[in-house]
Amino acid sequence: MTEVIANTHTGNCIPVTTGEGFSLEGVKLSKALREALRSVEASIEELNTALKQAVEAGATIELRRRGRVHSGDGCWADQMAPLVVARP
């Protein structure tokens, strides 16, 4: 997905790959952006923990794109919404 974003990107954003081994070391980012990315990373970790707990309790959860937010200068983010099916 990161390659798709990088190949179609037209704004002033810097593609940063996240995931295992995620590091912002050596990447030139503003303090505000660095803090925002760390907040997103922490929120995703918390979401992943909650998803695992819900699955273990008997739910099936699919995350779907609910909408997209735009900065006005080419940067964007997908907003997510859960589709939940729970066992009775």
N, C-alpha and C. Protein backbone atom coordinates (compact mmCIF):
# COMPACT_ATOMS: atom_id res chain seq x y z
N MET A 1 0.82 -1.19 0.00
CA MET A 1 0.00 0.00 0.00
C MET A 1 0.86 1.25 0.00
N THR A 2 1.97 1.22 0.73
CA THR A 2 2.85 2.39 0.76
C THR A 2 3.35 2.73 -0.63
N GLU A 3 3.63 1.69 -1.46
CA GLU A 3 4.10 1.95 -2.82
C GLU A 3 3.01 2.63 -3.63
N VAL A 4 1.75 2.22 -3.44
CA VAL A 4 0.64 2.84 -4.16
C VAL A 4 0.55 4.31 -3.78
N ILE A 5 0.64 4.59 -2.48
CA ILE A 5 0.57 5.97 -2.02
C ILE A 5 1.72 6.78 -2.61
N ALA A 6 2.93 6.24 -2.55
CA ALA A 6 4.10 6.95 -3.06
C ALA A 6 3.98 7.19 -4.56
N ASN A 7 3.45 6.21 -5.30
CA ASN A 7 3.35 6.34 -6.75
C ASN A 7 2.27 7.32 -7.19
N THR A 8 1.24 7.51 -6.37
CA THR A 8 0.14 8.38 -6.75
C THR A 8 0.14 9.70 -5.99
N HIS A 9 1.12 9.89 -5.16
CA HIS A 9 1.17 11.05 -4.28
C HIS A 9 1.49 12.32 -5.06
N THR A 10 0.70 13.37 -4.82
CA THR A 10 0.94 14.64 -5.52
C THR A 10 1.12 15.81 -4.57
N GLY A 11 0.99 15.58 -3.27
CA GLY A 11 1.05 16.66 -2.30
C GLY A 11 2.43 16.88 -1.74
N ASN A 12 2.48 17.59 -0.62
CA ASN A 12 3.74 17.93 0.03
C ASN A 12 4.08 16.97 1.16
N CYS A 13 3.48 15.79 1.17
CA CYS A 13 3.69 14.83 2.26
C CYS A 13 4.90 13.96 1.97
N ILE A 14 5.52 13.46 3.04
CA ILE A 14 6.65 12.55 2.94
C ILE A 14 6.14 11.15 3.26
N PRO A 15 6.26 10.19 2.31
CA PRO A 15 5.84 8.82 2.64
C PRO A 15 6.73 8.25 3.73
N VAL A 16 6.14 7.76 4.79
CA VAL A 16 6.87 7.13 5.89
C VAL A 16 6.23 5.76 6.11
N THR A 17 7.04 4.71 6.01
CA THR A 17 6.52 3.36 6.22
C THR A 17 6.50 3.07 7.71
N THR A 18 5.37 2.57 8.19
CA THR A 18 5.24 2.23 9.59
C THR A 18 5.10 0.72 9.72
N GLY A 19 5.08 0.25 10.92
CA GLY A 19 4.92 -1.18 11.17
C GLY A 19 6.06 -1.67 12.04
N GLU A 20 6.33 -2.95 11.93
CA GLU A 20 7.38 -3.55 12.75
C GLU A 20 8.71 -2.85 12.47
N GLY A 21 9.40 -2.47 13.50
CA GLY A 21 10.65 -1.76 13.34
C GLY A 21 10.46 -0.30 12.99
N PHE A 22 9.26 0.22 13.21
CA PHE A 22 8.93 1.61 12.89
C PHE A 22 9.88 2.55 13.61
N SER A 23 10.46 3.45 12.87
CA SER A 23 11.37 4.43 13.46
C SER A 23 11.31 5.72 12.67
N LEU A 24 11.28 6.83 13.39
CA LEU A 24 11.33 8.14 12.75
C LEU A 24 12.74 8.73 12.82
N GLU A 25 13.69 7.93 13.29
CA GLU A 25 15.07 8.42 13.39
C GLU A 25 15.60 8.73 11.99
N GLY A 26 16.21 9.88 11.85
CA GLY A 26 16.79 10.29 10.57
C GLY A 26 15.81 10.88 9.59
N VAL A 27 14.51 10.85 9.91
CA VAL A 27 13.49 11.43 9.04
C VAL A 27 13.24 12.85 9.51
N LYS A 28 13.32 13.81 8.60
CA LYS A 28 13.11 15.21 8.96
C LYS A 28 11.62 15.51 8.99
N LEU A 29 11.09 15.66 10.20
CA LEU A 29 9.67 15.96 10.40
C LEU A 29 9.56 17.07 11.43
N SER A 30 8.50 17.87 11.31
CA SER A 30 8.28 18.89 12.33
C SER A 30 7.94 18.20 13.64
N LYS A 31 8.13 18.91 14.73
CA LYS A 31 7.81 18.36 16.05
C LYS A 31 6.33 17.98 16.13
N ALA A 32 5.46 18.82 15.60
CA ALA A 32 4.02 18.54 15.63
C ALA A 32 3.68 17.27 14.86
N LEU A 33 4.29 17.10 13.67
CA LEU A 33 4.03 15.90 12.86
C LEU A 33 4.59 14.67 13.54
N ARG A 34 5.79 14.77 14.09
CA ARG A 34 6.40 13.64 14.79
C ARG A 34 5.50 13.20 15.96
N GLU A 35 4.99 14.15 16.73
CA GLU A 35 4.11 13.83 17.86
C GLU A 35 2.80 13.22 17.37
N ALA A 36 2.27 13.76 16.27
CA ALA A 36 1.01 13.22 15.72
C ALA A 36 1.19 11.79 15.25
N LEU A 37 2.31 11.49 14.59
CA LEU A 37 2.58 10.12 14.13
C LEU A 37 2.76 9.17 15.30
N ARG A 38 3.42 9.62 16.35
CA ARG A 38 3.57 8.77 17.54
C ARG A 38 2.21 8.51 18.19
N SER A 39 1.33 9.50 18.17
CA SER A 39 -0.02 9.34 18.70
C SER A 39 -0.81 8.32 17.88
N VAL A 40 -0.69 8.40 16.55
CA VAL A 40 -1.37 7.44 15.68
C VAL A 40 -0.83 6.03 15.96
N GLU A 41 0.47 5.91 16.08
CA GLU A 41 1.08 4.60 16.35
C GLU A 41 0.55 4.02 17.67
N ALA A 42 0.50 4.84 18.71
CA ALA A 42 0.01 4.37 20.02
C ALA A 42 -1.47 3.99 19.93
N SER A 43 -2.24 4.78 19.22
CA SER A 43 -3.68 4.48 19.07
C SER A 43 -3.89 3.18 18.31
N ILE A 44 -3.09 2.93 17.29
CA ILE A 44 -3.22 1.68 16.53
C ILE A 44 -2.85 0.49 17.41
N GLU A 45 -1.82 0.63 18.22
CA GLU A 45 -1.46 -0.47 19.14
C GLU A 45 -2.60 -0.75 20.11
N GLU A 46 -3.23 0.31 20.63
CA GLU A 46 -4.36 0.15 21.55
C GLU A 46 -5.55 -0.49 20.82
N LEU A 47 -5.81 -0.07 19.59
CA LEU A 47 -6.88 -0.65 18.78
C LEU A 47 -6.61 -2.13 18.54
N ASN A 48 -5.38 -2.49 18.19
CA ASN A 48 -5.04 -3.89 17.94
C ASN A 48 -5.27 -4.75 19.17
N THR A 49 -4.95 -4.23 20.33
CA THR A 49 -5.19 -4.96 21.58
C THR A 49 -6.68 -5.15 21.81
N ALA A 50 -7.47 -4.09 21.59
CA ALA A 50 -8.92 -4.17 21.76
C ALA A 50 -9.53 -5.15 20.76
N LEU A 51 -9.04 -5.15 19.52
CA LEU A 51 -9.55 -6.08 18.51
C LEU A 51 -9.28 -7.52 18.92
N LYS A 52 -8.09 -7.78 19.40
CA LYS A 52 -7.73 -9.14 19.85
C LYS A 52 -8.65 -9.58 20.98
N GLN A 53 -8.91 -8.69 21.94
CA GLN A 53 -9.79 -9.03 23.07
C GLN A 53 -11.21 -9.30 22.58
N ALA A 54 -11.70 -8.52 21.63
CA ALA A 54 -13.05 -8.71 21.10
C ALA A 54 -13.16 -10.04 20.36
N VAL A 55 -12.15 -10.38 19.59
CA VAL A 55 -12.14 -11.66 18.87
C VAL A 55 -12.13 -12.82 19.85
N GLU A 56 -11.31 -12.71 20.88
CA GLU A 56 -11.25 -13.77 21.89
C GLU A 56 -12.57 -13.90 22.65
N ALA A 57 -13.35 -12.81 22.73
CA ALA A 57 -14.64 -12.84 23.41
C ALA A 57 -15.77 -13.31 22.48
N GLY A 58 -15.49 -13.49 21.17
CA GLY A 58 -16.48 -14.04 20.26
C GLY A 58 -16.96 -13.15 19.15
N ALA A 59 -16.25 -12.09 18.84
CA ALA A 59 -16.68 -11.19 17.77
C ALA A 59 -15.82 -11.37 16.52
N THR A 60 -16.41 -11.09 15.39
CA THR A 60 -15.68 -10.98 14.14
C THR A 60 -15.75 -9.50 13.76
N ILE A 61 -14.60 -8.91 13.47
CA ILE A 61 -14.56 -7.47 13.20
C ILE A 61 -13.78 -7.21 11.92
N GLU A 62 -14.40 -6.44 11.05
CA GLU A 62 -13.74 -5.99 9.84
C GLU A 62 -13.69 -4.47 9.88
N LEU A 63 -12.53 -3.90 9.64
CA LEU A 63 -12.40 -2.45 9.58
C LEU A 63 -12.62 -2.00 8.14
N ARG A 64 -13.50 -1.04 7.98
CA ARG A 64 -13.80 -0.51 6.65
C ARG A 64 -13.58 0.99 6.65
N ARG A 65 -13.26 1.51 5.48
CA ARG A 65 -13.09 2.96 5.37
C ARG A 65 -14.44 3.64 5.51
N ARG A 66 -14.53 4.54 6.48
CA ARG A 66 -15.75 5.31 6.72
C ARG A 66 -15.72 6.61 5.94
N GLY A 67 -14.54 7.16 5.81
CA GLY A 67 -14.40 8.43 5.12
C GLY A 67 -12.93 8.75 4.95
N ARG A 68 -12.68 9.89 4.39
CA ARG A 68 -11.30 10.33 4.18
C ARG A 68 -11.22 11.80 4.55
N VAL A 69 -10.17 12.17 5.26
CA VAL A 69 -9.93 13.57 5.60
C VAL A 69 -8.78 14.07 4.74
N HIS A 70 -8.88 15.33 4.33
CA HIS A 70 -7.87 15.96 3.47
C HIS A 70 -7.34 17.21 4.14
N SER A 71 -6.07 17.47 3.93
CA SER A 71 -5.45 18.66 4.51
C SER A 71 -5.59 19.88 3.61
N GLY A 72 -5.91 19.67 2.35
CA GLY A 72 -6.00 20.77 1.41
C GLY A 72 -4.73 20.98 0.61
N ASP A 73 -3.63 20.30 1.02
CA ASP A 73 -2.39 20.44 0.27
C ASP A 73 -1.87 19.09 -0.24
N GLY A 74 -2.79 18.12 -0.37
CA GLY A 74 -2.41 16.83 -0.94
C GLY A 74 -2.27 15.70 0.07
N CYS A 75 -2.27 16.00 1.35
CA CYS A 75 -2.18 14.95 2.36
C CYS A 75 -3.58 14.47 2.72
N TRP A 76 -3.70 13.17 3.03
CA TRP A 76 -5.01 12.63 3.37
C TRP A 76 -4.84 11.45 4.31
N ALA A 77 -5.94 11.06 4.93
CA ALA A 77 -5.96 9.88 5.80
C ALA A 77 -7.33 9.24 5.71
N ASP A 78 -7.35 7.92 5.76
CA ASP A 78 -8.60 7.18 5.80
C ASP A 78 -9.09 7.13 7.23
N GLN A 79 -10.40 7.32 7.42
CA GLN A 79 -11.04 7.12 8.72
C GLN A 79 -11.72 5.77 8.67
N MET A 80 -11.66 5.05 9.77
CA MET A 80 -12.16 3.68 9.80
C MET A 80 -13.41 3.54 10.65
N ALA A 81 -14.21 2.53 10.32
CA ALA A 81 -15.39 2.16 11.10
C ALA A 81 -15.44 0.64 11.15
N PRO A 82 -15.82 0.08 12.30
CA PRO A 82 -15.86 -1.38 12.40
C PRO A 82 -17.19 -1.96 11.91
N LEU A 83 -17.11 -3.09 11.25
CA LEU A 83 -18.27 -3.92 10.96
C LEU A 83 -18.13 -5.10 11.91
N VAL A 84 -19.08 -5.25 12.82
CA VAL A 84 -18.95 -6.23 13.90
C VAL A 84 -20.05 -7.28 13.78
N VAL A 85 -19.65 -8.54 13.85
CA VAL A 85 -20.57 -9.66 13.93
C VAL A 85 -20.20 -10.42 15.20
N ALA A 86 -21.16 -10.52 16.13
CA ALA A 86 -20.88 -11.18 17.40
C ALA A 86 -21.65 -12.48 17.50
N ARG A 87 -21.02 -13.48 18.11
CA ARG A 87 -21.72 -14.73 18.39
C ARG A 87 -22.72 -14.50 19.50
N PRO A 88 -23.90 -15.11 19.39
CA PRO A 88 -24.90 -14.94 20.46
C PRO A 88 -24.44 -15.58 21.76
